[in-house]
């Protein structure tokens, strides 16, 4: 059952990425996700979660640093909105 669900999700992602209409839908989804992530309430909750991990989990600071490094690396590899690769 899980495999079928994953397959259907893959088809949906393929549709979104593979069609011009899907690309527009993807951009709307990506923009909305970015707006949600940058919302001050979400950032406060993320900060509270980070603080809780640092306080309560052994080596929490090292985990937080690793996550921060991975996030920075991922952001460096993402194209800014509006830039398109030449096809």
Protein backbone atom coordinates (compact mmCIF):
# COMPACT_ATOMS: atom_id res chain seq x y z
CA UNK A 1 0.00 0.00 0.00
CA UNK A 2 2.79 2.42 0.92
CA UNK A 3 4.52 1.67 -2.39
CA UNK A 4 1.36 2.46 -4.35
CA UNK A 5 0.92 5.74 -2.48
CA UNK A 6 4.54 6.66 -3.17
CA UNK A 7 4.06 5.79 -6.86
CA UNK A 8 0.98 8.02 -7.12
CA UNK A 9 2.84 10.85 -5.37
CA UNK A 10 5.66 10.42 -7.89
CA UNK A 11 3.21 10.67 -10.75
CA UNK A 12 1.85 13.89 -9.29
CA UNK A 13 5.31 15.37 -8.94
CA UNK A 14 6.13 14.28 -12.49
CA UNK A 15 3.03 16.04 -13.74
CA UNK A 16 3.85 19.22 -11.88
CA UNK A 17 7.41 19.37 -13.10
CA UNK A 18 6.72 18.09 -16.61
CA UNK A 19 4.00 20.41 -17.84
CA UNK A 20 3.88 24.16 -18.27
CA UNK A 21 0.64 24.28 -16.29
CA UNK A 22 2.27 22.05 -13.72
CA UNK A 23 5.29 24.34 -13.61
CA UNK A 24 3.04 27.29 -12.83
CA UNK A 25 1.29 25.26 -10.13
CA UNK A 26 4.69 24.24 -8.75
CA UNK A 27 5.83 27.88 -8.62
CA UNK A 28 2.63 28.87 -6.78
CA UNK A 29 3.15 26.00 -4.33
CA UNK A 30 6.82 26.89 -3.83
CA UNK A 31 6.04 30.57 -3.30
CA UNK A 32 3.31 29.72 -0.77
CA UNK A 33 5.61 27.34 1.10
CA UNK A 34 8.23 30.07 1.24
CA UNK A 35 5.68 32.57 2.57
CA UNK A 36 4.64 30.12 5.27
CA UNK A 37 8.23 29.34 6.26
CA UNK A 38 9.10 33.03 6.51
CA UNK A 39 6.03 33.81 8.64
CA UNK A 40 7.21 35.16 12.02
CA UNK A 41 4.93 32.71 13.87
CA UNK A 42 6.54 29.76 12.09
CA UNK A 43 10.00 31.13 12.75
CA UNK A 44 9.17 31.53 16.46
CA UNK A 45 7.96 27.94 16.61
CA UNK A 46 11.09 26.73 14.80
CA UNK A 47 13.26 28.69 17.24
CA UNK A 48 11.38 27.20 20.20
CA UNK A 49 11.87 23.70 18.79
CA UNK A 50 15.57 24.37 18.22
CA UNK A 51 15.96 25.70 21.76
CA UNK A 52 14.16 22.65 23.17
CA UNK A 53 16.47 20.32 21.26
CA UNK A 54 19.55 22.17 22.42
CA UNK A 55 18.34 22.10 26.01
CA UNK A 56 16.98 18.56 26.26
CA UNK A 57 18.84 16.37 23.77
CA UNK A 58 22.44 15.30 24.36
CA UNK A 59 24.58 16.75 21.63
CA UNK A 60 21.62 18.90 20.57
CA UNK A 61 23.94 21.77 19.73
CA UNK A 62 25.96 19.60 17.35
CA UNK A 63 22.77 18.38 15.68
CA UNK A 64 21.55 21.96 15.34
CA UNK A 65 24.87 23.02 13.82
CA UNK A 66 24.72 20.12 11.35
CA UNK A 67 21.17 21.04 10.35
CA UNK A 68 22.16 24.69 9.95
CA UNK A 69 25.11 23.70 7.75
CA UNK A 70 22.90 21.44 5.63
CA UNK A 71 20.31 24.19 5.28
CA UNK A 72 22.94 26.71 4.21
CA UNK A 73 24.35 24.26 1.69
CA UNK A 74 20.89 23.47 0.30
CA UNK A 75 20.03 27.16 -0.06
CA UNK A 76 23.27 27.74 -1.96
CA UNK A 77 22.27 25.07 -4.48
CA UNK A 78 18.74 26.34 -5.16
CA UNK A 79 18.17 28.66 -8.09
CA UNK A 80 16.53 31.95 -7.19
CA UNK A 81 12.92 32.39 -8.26
CA UNK A 82 12.59 33.68 -11.80
CA UNK A 83 15.83 32.22 -13.12
CA UNK A 84 15.31 29.55 -15.71
CA UNK A 85 17.81 27.07 -17.05
CA UNK A 86 18.40 27.19 -20.77
CA UNK A 87 16.78 24.25 -22.49
